[in-house]
Amino acid sequence: MPYPESSPLVAGAWLRCGSDHHCLALFGIRQPGSTTGELPVGLHHLAFEVGSFEDLLAAYRVIRARQLPVEARIGGPGWQVRVYFPDPEGNQVELYWDMDRIGWDGLSRAYVPIQVIDLESFDLVSYRAGKERAGPPP
């Protein structure tokens, strides 16, 4: 998937094993000021699945209580609810819940634009209804 010029990412590829939408995502990261087109190599982030929305919300509250920068999002490849924050060494960490599953046909649900959300006031009922209205992945 290509990203717009304004993004720090050039492109992404999502790989799966089993029925999760993805278990590994590879990104080309735009090198600021590079004229050679070379892409830097390194870790973009690590992601860990939590068991429930309540677990995600509890983790979000702990991160905020420790006054770490944290951002909650929905949408994007996999259409999961997730939070991002830095670990003690500055690596980006993602905690997520409710990632889409892929059927036998190997096709995923249509891309839903990423939205930054307030997890404290997140309307979980509307979110789940929206996923139901969109139907299962094709």
Protein backbone atom coordinates (compact mmCIF):
# COMPACT_ATOMS: atom_id res chain seq x y z
CA MET A 1 0.00 0.00 0.00
CA PRO A 2 1.56 3.32 -1.00
CA TYR A 3 1.41 6.30 1.37
CA PRO A 4 1.02 9.98 0.38
CA GLU A 5 4.10 12.20 0.05
CA SER A 6 3.25 13.87 3.37
CA SER A 7 3.63 10.57 5.28
CA PRO A 8 6.86 9.45 6.94
CA LEU A 9 6.13 6.03 5.36
CA VAL A 10 6.66 5.28 1.67
CA ALA A 11 4.74 2.00 1.48
CA GLY A 12 3.57 -0.91 3.61
CA ALA A 13 2.95 -4.62 3.15
CA TRP A 14 0.91 -6.70 5.62
CA LEU A 15 1.73 -10.41 5.92
CA ARG A 16 -0.40 -12.98 7.67
CA CYS A 17 -0.19 -16.49 9.04
CA GLY A 18 -3.54 -17.96 10.04
CA SER A 19 -6.72 -15.91 10.06
CA ASP A 20 -5.46 -12.62 11.61
CA HIS A 21 -5.49 -9.75 9.12
CA HIS A 22 -1.72 -9.52 9.61
CA CYS A 23 0.99 -10.71 11.96
CA LEU A 24 3.87 -8.82 10.36
CA ALA A 25 3.84 -5.44 8.67
CA LEU A 26 6.78 -4.18 6.64
CA PHE A 27 7.18 -0.45 5.96
CA GLY A 28 9.41 1.62 3.74
CA ILE A 29 10.29 4.69 5.81
CA ARG A 30 10.92 7.98 4.06
CA GLN A 31 14.44 9.29 4.73
CA PRO A 32 14.19 13.05 5.35
CA GLY A 33 16.35 14.94 2.87
CA SER A 34 17.40 11.80 0.97
CA THR A 35 17.89 12.28 -2.75
CA THR A 36 19.11 8.72 -3.42
CA GLY A 37 15.79 7.00 -2.72
CA GLU A 38 17.44 4.65 -0.22
CA LEU A 39 15.22 3.56 2.65
CA PRO A 40 16.53 3.27 6.20
CA VAL A 41 16.40 -0.13 7.88
CA GLY A 42 15.10 -0.55 11.40
CA LEU A 43 12.21 -1.23 13.70
CA HIS A 44 9.04 0.80 13.18
CA HIS A 45 7.11 -0.65 16.15
CA LEU A 46 6.19 -3.79 18.09
CA ALA A 47 2.54 -4.77 18.54
CA PHE A 48 0.85 -6.92 21.14
CA GLU A 49 -2.75 -8.15 21.20
CA VAL A 50 -4.83 -7.74 24.36
CA GLY A 51 -7.81 -9.93 25.22
CA SER A 52 -10.60 -7.35 25.45
CA PHE A 53 -11.52 -3.70 25.02
CA GLU A 54 -11.50 -3.40 28.80
CA ASP A 55 -7.87 -4.63 28.86
CA LEU A 56 -6.92 -2.05 26.23
CA LEU A 57 -8.67 0.73 28.13
CA ALA A 58 -6.96 -0.30 31.39
CA ALA A 59 -3.54 -0.24 29.70
CA TYR A 60 -4.34 3.15 28.14
CA ARG A 61 -5.18 4.52 31.58
CA VAL A 62 -1.92 3.21 33.08
CA ILE A 63 0.10 4.78 30.24
CA ARG A 64 -1.68 8.13 30.71
CA ALA A 65 -1.23 7.98 34.49
CA ARG A 66 2.51 7.64 33.91
CA GLN A 67 2.29 10.77 31.73
CA LEU A 68 3.68 9.04 28.65
CA PRO A 69 2.62 10.23 25.21
CA VAL A 70 -0.13 7.91 23.97
CA GLU A 71 -2.38 7.94 20.92
CA ALA A 72 -5.46 5.78 20.31
CA ARG A 73 -6.62 4.95 16.78
CA ILE A 74 -9.12 2.89 14.80
CA GLY A 75 -9.22 1.99 11.13
CA GLY A 76 -6.42 1.19 8.74
CA PRO A 77 -5.31 -2.28 7.66
CA GLY A 78 -6.89 -4.75 10.07
CA TRP A 79 -9.49 -2.24 11.35
CA GLN A 80 -8.51 -2.79 15.00
CA VAL A 81 -8.71 -0.49 18.04
CA ARG A 82 -5.19 0.32 19.20
CA VAL A 83 -2.92 2.57 21.23
CA TYR A 84 0.67 3.64 20.55
CA PHE A 85 3.22 4.76 23.12
CA PRO A 86 7.02 4.73 23.56
CA ASP A 87 8.84 2.10 25.62
CA PRO A 88 11.67 3.20 27.97
CA GLU A 89 14.19 3.04 25.10
CA GLY A 90 12.04 5.13 22.76
CA ASN A 91 10.72 2.29 20.59
CA GLN A 92 7.10 2.62 19.52
CA VAL A 93 4.78 0.00 21.04
CA GLU A 94 1.24 -0.82 19.89
CA LEU A 95 -1.40 -2.58 21.97
CA TYR A 96 -4.42 -3.68 19.94
CA TRP A 97 -7.76 -5.44 20.19
CA ASP A 98 -10.35 -6.69 17.67
CA MET A 99 -8.21 -7.13 14.56
CA ASP A 100 -10.14 -8.34 11.52
CA ARG A 101 -9.94 -11.98 10.51
CA ILE A 102 -9.38 -13.21 6.97
CA GLY A 103 -11.52 -15.93 5.42
CA TRP A 104 -10.51 -18.88 3.25
CA ASP A 105 -10.55 -16.68 0.16
CA GLY A 106 -7.64 -14.63 1.56
CA LEU A 107 -9.38 -11.29 0.98
CA SER A 108 -9.58 -8.53 3.56
CA ARG A 109 -12.25 -5.98 4.33
CA ALA A 110 -12.07 -2.68 2.42
CA TYR A 111 -9.60 -0.14 3.83
CA VAL A 112 -11.07 2.16 6.48
CA PRO A 113 -9.17 5.45 6.97
CA ILE A 114 -7.25 5.74 10.23
CA GLN A 115 -8.85 7.96 12.87
CA VAL A 116 -7.27 9.22 16.07
CA ILE A 117 -9.77 8.73 18.92
CA ASP A 118 -10.23 9.44 22.62
CA LEU A 119 -10.37 5.95 24.10
CA GLU A 120 -12.09 7.21 27.27
CA SER A 121 -15.14 8.42 25.32
CA PHE A 122 -14.92 5.85 22.51
CA ASP A 123 -18.36 4.58 21.45
CA LEU A 124 -17.71 0.84 21.42
CA VAL A 125 -21.34 0.02 20.53
CA SER A 126 -21.25 2.21 17.40
CA TYR A 127 -17.83 0.86 16.43
CA ARG A 128 -19.05 -2.76 16.60
CA ALA A 129 -22.27 -1.86 14.73
CA GLY A 130 -20.19 -0.20 12.00
CA LYS A 131 -18.09 -3.33 11.56
CA GLU A 132 -21.29 -5.41 11.38
CA ARG A 133 -22.83 -3.03 8.80
CA ALA A 134 -19.68 -3.30 6.69
CA GLY A 135 -20.20 -7.05 6.74
CA PRO A 136 -17.55 -9.72 6.98
CA PRO A 137 -14.42 -9.39 4.91
CA PRO A 138 -15.20 -10.48 1.34
